[in-house]
Amino acid sequence: MSEHGFHVHGPHDHAVEHAAHGGDSFSNNIAVMTAILATVGALFGYLGGATQNDAALFKNNAAIEKTNAANSWNYYQAKSNKQNLAELAMVLPNVDRARYQGEVARYNSEKEQIRKQAEALDAKSDEWNHRSDAKMHEHHQWALATTAEQIAISLAAITLLTRKKWLMAAACGVAVLGMVLGVLAWLHLDPLGALFGAAVAAH
């Protein structure tokens, strides 16, 4: 424990420490690789967190628009009730029919404007929900890329202990996979999701 509290070492820290004391090129190469992977993984993690925050913000916007739409539909219903009362009054004896006809026409016109507003708010809510779902899916892609880089760092740390070259190859393979996933997330591409969607549609 340091004077400032606990300090937790990750696989990358151990890898660098081993390299510093090892003095051989194999250890140095592993240390450099883990440093690069740690940086890439941190970047992926940041982008994943940012997309998750965007998804939450968009979902909140969708909820606000849905509430506004519900208020508009309630207002529409209130106008409908008033219109129904005016139409009912028109058939009563000894009433000013022209007056209630005018009210019916006014309520009908107001209802049309309110309906358009409510439908527009519903459409905005659906759009925000769609954007939120897209961001959340992107977040999952970044999370997968980050996880792959973390696994690669762990494999590299184990490679330092065992000095097995096949573990080094596995670490490099997983690292490349993580970077490919990161590039796909950056380009907003999801080939696996597209293939899955096509398979579901075919069945």
C-alpha atoms as a PDB file:
ATOM      1  CA  MET A   1       0.000   0.000   0.000  1.00  0.00           C
ATOM      2  CA  SER A   2       1.348   3.443  -0.937  1.00  0.00           C
ATOM      3  CA  GLU A   3       0.926   6.667   1.018  1.00  0.00           C
ATOM      4  CA  HIS A   4      -2.013   7.562  -1.210  1.00  0.00           C
ATOM      5  CA  GLY A   5      -3.931   4.318  -0.721  1.00  0.00           C
ATOM      6  CA  PHE A   6      -4.161   0.993  -2.469  1.00  0.00           C
ATOM      7  CA  HIS A   7      -2.734   0.498  -5.928  1.00  0.00           C
ATOM      8  CA  VAL A   8      -3.926  -2.466  -7.964  1.00  0.00           C
ATOM      9  CA  HIS A   9      -1.613  -3.861 -10.609  1.00  0.00           C
ATOM     10  CA  GLY A  10      -3.126  -5.129 -13.835  1.00  0.00           C
ATOM     11  CA  PRO A  11      -1.690  -7.683 -16.266  1.00  0.00           C
ATOM     12  CA  HIS A  12       0.029  -4.907 -18.219  1.00  0.00           C
ATOM     13  CA  ASP A  13       1.816  -3.610 -15.100  1.00  0.00           C
ATOM     14  CA  HIS A  14       3.113  -7.083 -14.321  1.00  0.00           C
ATOM     15  CA  ALA A  15       4.220  -7.527 -17.921  1.00  0.00           C
ATOM     16  CA  VAL A  16       6.235  -4.305 -17.861  1.00  0.00           C
ATOM     17  CA  GLU A  17       7.754  -5.247 -14.511  1.00  0.00           C
ATOM     18  CA  HIS A  18       8.813  -8.632 -15.839  1.00  0.00           C
ATOM     19  CA  ALA A  19      10.317  -7.020 -18.914  1.00  0.00           C
ATOM     20  CA  ALA A  20      12.242  -4.490 -16.869  1.00  0.00           C
ATOM     21  CA  HIS A  21      13.847  -7.255 -14.816  1.00  0.00           C
ATOM     22  CA  GLY A  22      14.093  -9.798 -17.606  1.00  0.00           C
ATOM     23  CA  GLY A  23      16.381  -7.925 -19.982  1.00  0.00           C
ATOM     24  CA  ASP A  24      15.624 -10.157 -22.992  1.00  0.00           C
ATOM     25  CA  SER A  25      14.012  -9.196 -26.285  1.00  0.00           C
ATOM     26  CA  PHE A  26      11.135 -11.660 -25.879  1.00  0.00           C
ATOM     27  CA  SER A  27      10.027 -10.018 -22.623  1.00  0.00           C
ATOM     28  CA  ASN A  28      10.560  -6.551 -24.074  1.00  0.00           C
ATOM     29  CA  ASN A  29       8.375  -7.366 -27.071  1.00  0.00           C
ATOM     30  CA  ILE A  30       5.610  -8.650 -24.803  1.00  0.00           C
ATOM     31  CA  ALA A  31       5.818  -5.524 -22.659  1.00  0.00           C
ATOM     32  CA  VAL A  32       5.547  -3.228 -25.681  1.00  0.00           C
ATOM     33  CA  MET A  33       2.646  -5.232 -27.055  1.00  0.00           C
ATOM     34  CA  THR A  34       0.746  -5.152 -23.764  1.00  0.00           C
ATOM     35  CA  ALA A  35       1.339  -1.394 -23.465  1.00  0.00           C
ATOM     36  CA  ILE A  36      -0.164  -0.877 -26.934  1.00  0.00           C
ATOM     37  CA  LEU A  37      -3.066  -3.198 -26.178  1.00  0.00           C
ATOM     38  CA  ALA A  38      -3.748  -1.448 -22.868  1.00  0.00           C
ATOM     39  CA  THR A  39      -3.921   1.896 -24.696  1.00  0.00           C
ATOM     40  CA  VAL A  40      -6.206   0.527 -27.407  1.00  0.00           C
ATOM     41  CA  GLY A  41      -8.385  -1.198 -24.792  1.00  0.00           C
ATOM     42  CA  ALA A  42      -8.685   2.035 -22.804  1.00  0.00           C
ATOM     43  CA  LEU A  43      -9.767   3.880 -25.958  1.00  0.00           C
ATOM     44  CA  PHE A  44     -12.336   1.197 -26.764  1.00  0.00           C
ATOM     45  CA  GLY A  45     -13.598   1.320 -23.182  1.00  0.00           C
ATOM     46  CA  TYR A  46     -14.001   5.097 -23.358  1.00  0.00           C
ATOM     47  CA  LEU A  47     -15.916   4.921 -26.632  1.00  0.00           C
ATOM     48  CA  GLY A  48     -18.096   2.134 -25.216  1.00  0.00           C
ATOM     49  CA  GLY A  49     -18.931   4.257 -22.174  1.00  0.00           C
ATOM     50  CA  ALA A  50     -19.704   7.271 -24.372  1.00  0.00           C
ATOM     51  CA  THR A  51     -22.122   5.304 -26.544  1.00  0.00           C
ATOM     52  CA  GLN A  52     -23.827   3.903 -23.440  1.00  0.00           C
ATOM     53  CA  ASN A  53     -24.308   7.443 -22.120  1.00  0.00           C
ATOM     54  CA  ASP A  54     -25.726   8.517 -25.490  1.00  0.00           C
ATOM     55  CA  ALA A  55     -28.132   5.572 -25.431  1.00  0.00           C
ATOM     56  CA  ALA A  56     -29.373   6.555 -21.957  1.00  0.00           C
ATOM     57  CA  LEU A  57     -29.774  10.207 -23.028  1.00  0.00           C
ATOM     58  CA  PHE A  58     -31.714   9.242 -26.162  1.00  0.00           C
ATOM     59  CA  LYS A  59     -33.940   6.889 -24.146  1.00  0.00           C
ATOM     60  CA  ASN A  60     -34.676   9.746 -21.745  1.00  0.00           C
ATOM     61  CA  ASN A  61     -35.563  12.025 -24.679  1.00  0.00           C
ATOM     62  CA  ALA A  62     -37.895   9.330 -25.993  1.00  0.00           C
ATOM     63  CA  ALA A  63     -39.646   9.127 -22.610  1.00  0.00           C
ATOM     64  CA  ILE A  64     -40.085  12.927 -22.526  1.00  0.00           C
ATOM     65  CA  GLU A  65     -41.594  12.989 -26.023  1.00  0.00           C
ATOM     66  CA  LYS A  66     -43.860  10.049 -25.159  1.00  0.00           C
ATOM     67  CA  THR A  67     -45.120  11.940 -22.084  1.00  0.00           C
ATOM     68  CA  ASN A  68     -45.777  15.033 -24.195  1.00  0.00           C
ATOM     69  CA  ALA A  69     -47.612  12.866 -26.737  1.00  0.00           C
ATOM     70  CA  ALA A  70     -49.740  11.324 -23.973  1.00  0.00           C
ATOM     71  CA  ASN A  71     -50.640  14.810 -22.731  1.00  0.00           C
ATOM     72  CA  SER A  72     -51.636  15.806 -26.255  1.00  0.00           C
ATOM     73  CA  TRP A  73     -53.795  12.703 -26.659  1.00  0.00           C
ATOM     74  CA  ASN A  74     -55.490  13.480 -23.329  1.00  0.00           C
ATOM     75  CA  TYR A  75     -56.182  16.997 -24.581  1.00  0.00           C
ATOM     76  CA  TYR A  76     -57.536  15.497 -27.814  1.00  0.00           C
ATOM     77  CA  GLN A  77     -59.859  13.274 -25.798  1.00  0.00           C
ATOM     78  CA  ALA A  78     -61.090  16.252 -23.775  1.00  0.00           C
ATOM     79  CA  LYS A  79     -61.927  18.100 -26.995  1.00  0.00           C
ATOM     80  CA  SER A  80     -63.732  14.980 -28.267  1.00  0.00           C
ATOM     81  CA  ASN A  81     -65.841  14.880 -25.101  1.00  0.00           C
ATOM     82  CA  LYS A  82     -66.774  18.547 -25.509  1.00  0.00           C
ATOM     83  CA  GLN A  83     -67.641  17.931 -29.155  1.00  0.00           C
ATOM     84  CA  ASN A  84     -69.852  14.993 -28.173  1.00  0.00           C
ATOM     85  CA  LEU A  85     -71.662  17.144 -25.618  1.00  0.00           C
ATOM     86  CA  ALA A  86     -72.200  19.861 -28.204  1.00  0.00           C
ATOM     87  CA  GLU A  87     -73.578  17.316 -30.701  1.00  0.00           C
ATOM     88  CA  LEU A  88     -75.883  15.991 -27.989  1.00  0.00           C
ATOM     89  CA  ALA A  89     -77.104  19.485 -27.177  1.00  0.00           C
ATOM     90  CA  MET A  90     -78.012  20.044 -30.836  1.00  0.00           C
ATOM     91  CA  VAL A  91     -80.796  17.442 -30.664  1.00  0.00           C
ATOM     92  CA  LEU A  92     -82.367  18.870 -27.506  1.00  0.00           C
ATOM     93  CA  PRO A  93     -85.534  20.920 -27.926  1.00  0.00           C
ATOM     94  CA  ASN A  94     -85.505  24.720 -27.635  1.00  0.00           C
ATOM     95  CA  VAL A  95     -81.726  25.167 -28.102  1.00  0.00           C
ATOM     96  CA  ASP A  96     -79.747  27.454 -30.346  1.00  0.00           C
ATOM     97  CA  ARG A  97     -78.782  24.883 -32.943  1.00  0.00           C
ATOM     98  CA  ALA A  98     -76.513  27.201 -34.907  1.00  0.00           C
ATOM     99  CA  ARG A  99     -74.468  27.954 -31.801  1.00  0.00           C
ATOM    100  CA  TYR A 100     -73.794  24.298 -31.080  1.00  0.00           C
ATOM    101  CA  GLN A 101     -73.067  23.585 -34.736  1.00  0.00           C
ATOM    102  CA  GLY A 102     -70.372  26.239 -34.573  1.00  0.00           C
ATOM    103  CA  GLU A 103     -68.940  24.683 -31.417  1.00  0.00           C
ATOM    104  CA  VAL A 104     -68.902  21.239 -33.026  1.00  0.00           C
ATOM    105  CA  ALA A 105     -67.023  22.637 -36.034  1.00  0.00           C
ATOM    106  CA  ARG A 106     -64.559  24.476 -33.752  1.00  0.00           C
ATOM    107  CA  TYR A 107     -63.863  21.418 -31.612  1.00  0.00           C
ATOM    108  CA  ASN A 108     -63.416  19.293 -34.714  1.00  0.00           C
ATOM    109  CA  SER A 109     -60.874  21.766 -36.123  1.00  0.00           C
ATOM    110  CA  GLU A 110     -58.997  21.973 -32.806  1.00  0.00           C
ATOM    111  CA  LYS A 111     -58.971  18.182 -32.515  1.00  0.00           C
ATOM    112  CA  GLU A 112     -57.335  17.863 -35.936  1.00  0.00           C
ATOM    113  CA  GLN A 113     -54.487  20.180 -34.939  1.00  0.00           C
ATOM    114  CA  ILE A 114     -54.018  18.385 -31.602  1.00  0.00           C
ATOM    115  CA  ARG A 115     -54.045  14.989 -33.334  1.00  0.00           C
ATOM    116  CA  LYS A 116     -51.308  16.076 -35.742  1.00  0.00           C
ATOM    117  CA  GLN A 117     -49.242  17.388 -32.846  1.00  0.00           C
ATOM    118  CA  ALA A 118     -49.693  14.172 -30.843  1.00  0.00           C
ATOM    119  CA  GLU A 119     -48.752  12.004 -33.835  1.00  0.00           C
ATOM    120  CA  ALA A 120     -45.653  14.135 -34.439  1.00  0.00           C
ATOM    121  CA  LEU A 121     -44.625  13.705 -30.788  1.00  0.00           C
ATOM    122  CA  ASP A 122     -45.171   9.937 -31.030  1.00  0.00           C
ATOM    123  CA  ALA A 123     -42.988   9.874 -34.142  1.00  0.00           C
ATOM    124  CA  LYS A 124     -40.239  11.815 -32.332  1.00  0.00           C
ATOM    125  CA  SER A 125     -40.410   9.378 -29.419  1.00  0.00           C
ATOM    126  CA  ASP A 126     -40.060   6.424 -31.791  1.00  0.00           C
ATOM    127  CA  GLU A 127     -37.090   8.112 -33.487  1.00  0.00           C
ATOM    128  CA  TRP A 128     -35.314   8.697 -30.159  1.00  0.00           C
ATOM    129  CA  ASN A 129     -35.975   5.063 -29.174  1.00  0.00           C
ATOM    130  CA  HIS A 130     -34.509   3.874 -32.461  1.00  0.00           C
ATOM    131  CA  ARG A 131     -31.418   6.033 -31.968  1.00  0.00           C
ATOM    132  CA  SER A 132     -31.068   4.753 -28.397  1.00  0.00           C
ATOM    133  CA  ASP A 133     -31.270   1.121 -29.536  1.00  0.00           C
ATOM    134  CA  ALA A 134     -28.663   1.787 -32.230  1.00  0.00           C
ATOM    135  CA  LYS A 135     -26.290   3.388 -29.695  1.00  0.00           C
ATOM    136  CA  MET A 136     -26.808   0.531 -27.238  1.00  0.00           C
ATOM    137  CA  HIS A 137     -25.980  -1.984 -29.962  1.00  0.00           C
ATOM    138  CA  GLU A 138     -22.853   0.039 -30.770  1.00  0.00           C
ATOM    139  CA  HIS A 139     -21.971  -0.004 -27.060  1.00  0.00           C
ATOM    140  CA  HIS A 140     -22.133  -3.810 -27.075  1.00  0.00           C
ATOM    141  CA  GLN A 141     -19.751  -3.881 -30.043  1.00  0.00           C
ATOM    142  CA  TRP A 142     -17.261  -1.644 -28.205  1.00  0.00           C
ATOM    143  CA  ALA A 143     -17.634  -3.824 -25.102  1.00  0.00           C
ATOM    144  CA  LEU A 144     -16.761  -6.935 -27.141  1.00  0.00           C
ATOM    145  CA  ALA A 145     -13.726  -5.193 -28.634  1.00  0.00           C
ATOM    146  CA  THR A 146     -12.579  -4.056 -25.172  1.00  0.00           C
ATOM    147  CA  THR A 147     -13.029  -7.551 -23.746  1.00  0.00           C
ATOM    148  CA  ALA A 148     -10.956  -9.050 -26.561  1.00  0.00           C
ATOM    149  CA  GLU A 149      -8.109  -6.622 -25.846  1.00  0.00           C
ATOM    150  CA  GLN A 150      -8.261  -7.448 -22.122  1.00  0.00           C
ATOM    151  CA  ILE A 151      -8.088 -11.162 -22.883  1.00  0.00           C
ATOM    152  CA  ALA A 152      -5.124 -10.543 -25.193  1.00  0.00           C
ATOM    153  CA  ILE A 153      -3.322  -8.644 -22.417  1.00  0.00           C
ATOM    154  CA  SER A 154      -3.978 -11.498 -19.992  1.00  0.00           C
ATOM    155  CA  LEU A 155      -2.652 -14.036 -22.498  1.00  0.00           C
ATOM    156  CA  ALA A 156       0.441 -11.894 -22.995  1.00  0.00           C
ATOM    157  CA  ALA A 157       1.026 -11.800 -19.229  1.00  0.00           C
ATOM    158  CA  ILE A 158       0.713 -15.596 -19.064  1.00  0.00           C
ATOM    159  CA  THR A 159       3.121 -15.839 -22.004  1.00  0.00           C
ATOM    160  CA  LEU A 160       5.749 -14.008 -19.935  1.00  0.00           C
ATOM    161  CA  LEU A 161       5.437 -16.614 -17.209  1.00  0.00           C
ATOM    162  CA  THR A 162       5.351 -19.691 -19.411  1.00  0.00           C
ATOM    163  CA  ARG A 163       7.354 -18.386 -22.399  1.00  0.00           C
ATOM    164  CA  LYS A 164       5.144 -20.446 -24.685  1.00  0.00           C
ATOM    165  CA  LYS A 165       5.223 -19.108 -28.237  1.00  0.00           C
ATOM    166  CA  TRP A 166       1.809 -20.540 -29.061  1.00  0.00           C
ATOM    167  CA  LEU A 167       0.374 -18.401 -26.258  1.00  0.00           C
ATOM    168  CA  MET A 168       2.046 -15.394 -27.865  1.00  0.00           C
ATOM    169  CA  ALA A 169       0.346 -16.297 -31.156  1.00  0.00           C
ATOM    170  CA  ALA A 170      -2.994 -16.675 -29.360  1.00  0.00           C
ATOM    171  CA  ALA A 171      -2.569 -13.271 -27.711  1.00  0.00           C
ATOM    172  CA  CYS A 172      -1.800 -11.657 -31.069  1.00  0.00           C
ATOM    173  CA  GLY A 173      -4.792 -13.372 -32.674  1.00  0.00           C
ATOM    174  CA  VAL A 174      -7.207 -12.211 -29.970  1.00  0.00           C
ATOM    175  CA  ALA A 175      -5.710  -8.706 -30.118  1.00  0.00           C
ATOM    176  CA  VAL A 176      -6.261  -8.530 -33.876  1.00  0.00           C
ATOM    177  CA  LEU A 177      -9.826  -9.788 -33.403  1.00  0.00           C
ATOM    178  CA  GLY A 178     -10.440  -7.034 -30.842  1.00  0.00           C
ATOM    179  CA  MET A 179      -9.088  -4.393 -33.202  1.00  0.00           C
ATOM    180  CA  VAL A 180     -11.271  -5.681 -36.042  1.00  0.00           C
ATOM    181  CA  LEU A 181     -14.303  -5.490 -33.753  1.00  0.00           C
ATOM    182  CA  GLY A 182     -13.284  -1.961 -32.798  1.00  0.00           C
ATOM    183  CA  VAL A 183     -12.972  -0.892 -36.439  1.00  0.00           C
ATOM    184  CA  LEU A 184     -16.384  -2.386 -37.223  1.00  0.00           C
ATOM    185  CA  ALA A 185     -17.893  -0.506 -34.275  1.00  0.00           C
ATOM    186  CA  TRP A 186     -16.198   2.717 -35.419  1.00  0.00           C
ATOM    187  CA  LEU A 187     -17.620   2.267 -38.942  1.00  0.00           C
ATOM    188  CA  HIS A 188     -21.055   1.324 -37.510  1.00  0.00           C
ATOM    189  CA  LEU A 189     -20.877  -2.032 -39.267  1.00  0.00           C
ATOM    190  CA  ASP A 190     -22.305  -5.256 -37.880  1.00  0.00           C
ATOM    191  CA  PRO A 191     -21.775  -8.121 -40.342  1.00  0.00           C
ATOM    192  CA  LEU A 192     -22.666 -10.781 -37.754  1.00  0.00           C
ATOM    193  CA  GLY A 193     -25.916  -8.978 -36.891  1.00  0.00           C
ATOM    194  CA  ALA A 194     -26.750  -8.678 -40.583  1.00  0.00           C
ATOM    195  CA  LEU A 195     -26.130 -12.401 -41.129  1.00  0.00           C
ATOM    196  CA  PHE A 196     -28.229 -13.269 -38.078  1.00  0.00           C
ATOM    197  CA  GLY A 197     -31.042 -11.014 -39.277  1.00  0.00           C
ATOM    198  CA  ALA A 198     -30.955 -12.610 -42.731  1.00  0.00           C
ATOM    199  CA  ALA A 199     -31.061 -16.096 -41.194  1.00  0.00           C
ATOM    200  CA  VAL A 200     -34.064 -15.171 -39.047  1.00  0.00           C
ATOM    201  CA  ALA A 201     -35.864 -13.645 -42.038  1.00  0.00           C
ATOM    202  CA  ALA A 202     -35.180 -16.776 -44.116  1.00  0.00           C
ATOM    203  CA  HIS A 203     -36.893 -18.950 -41.519  1.00  0.00           C
END
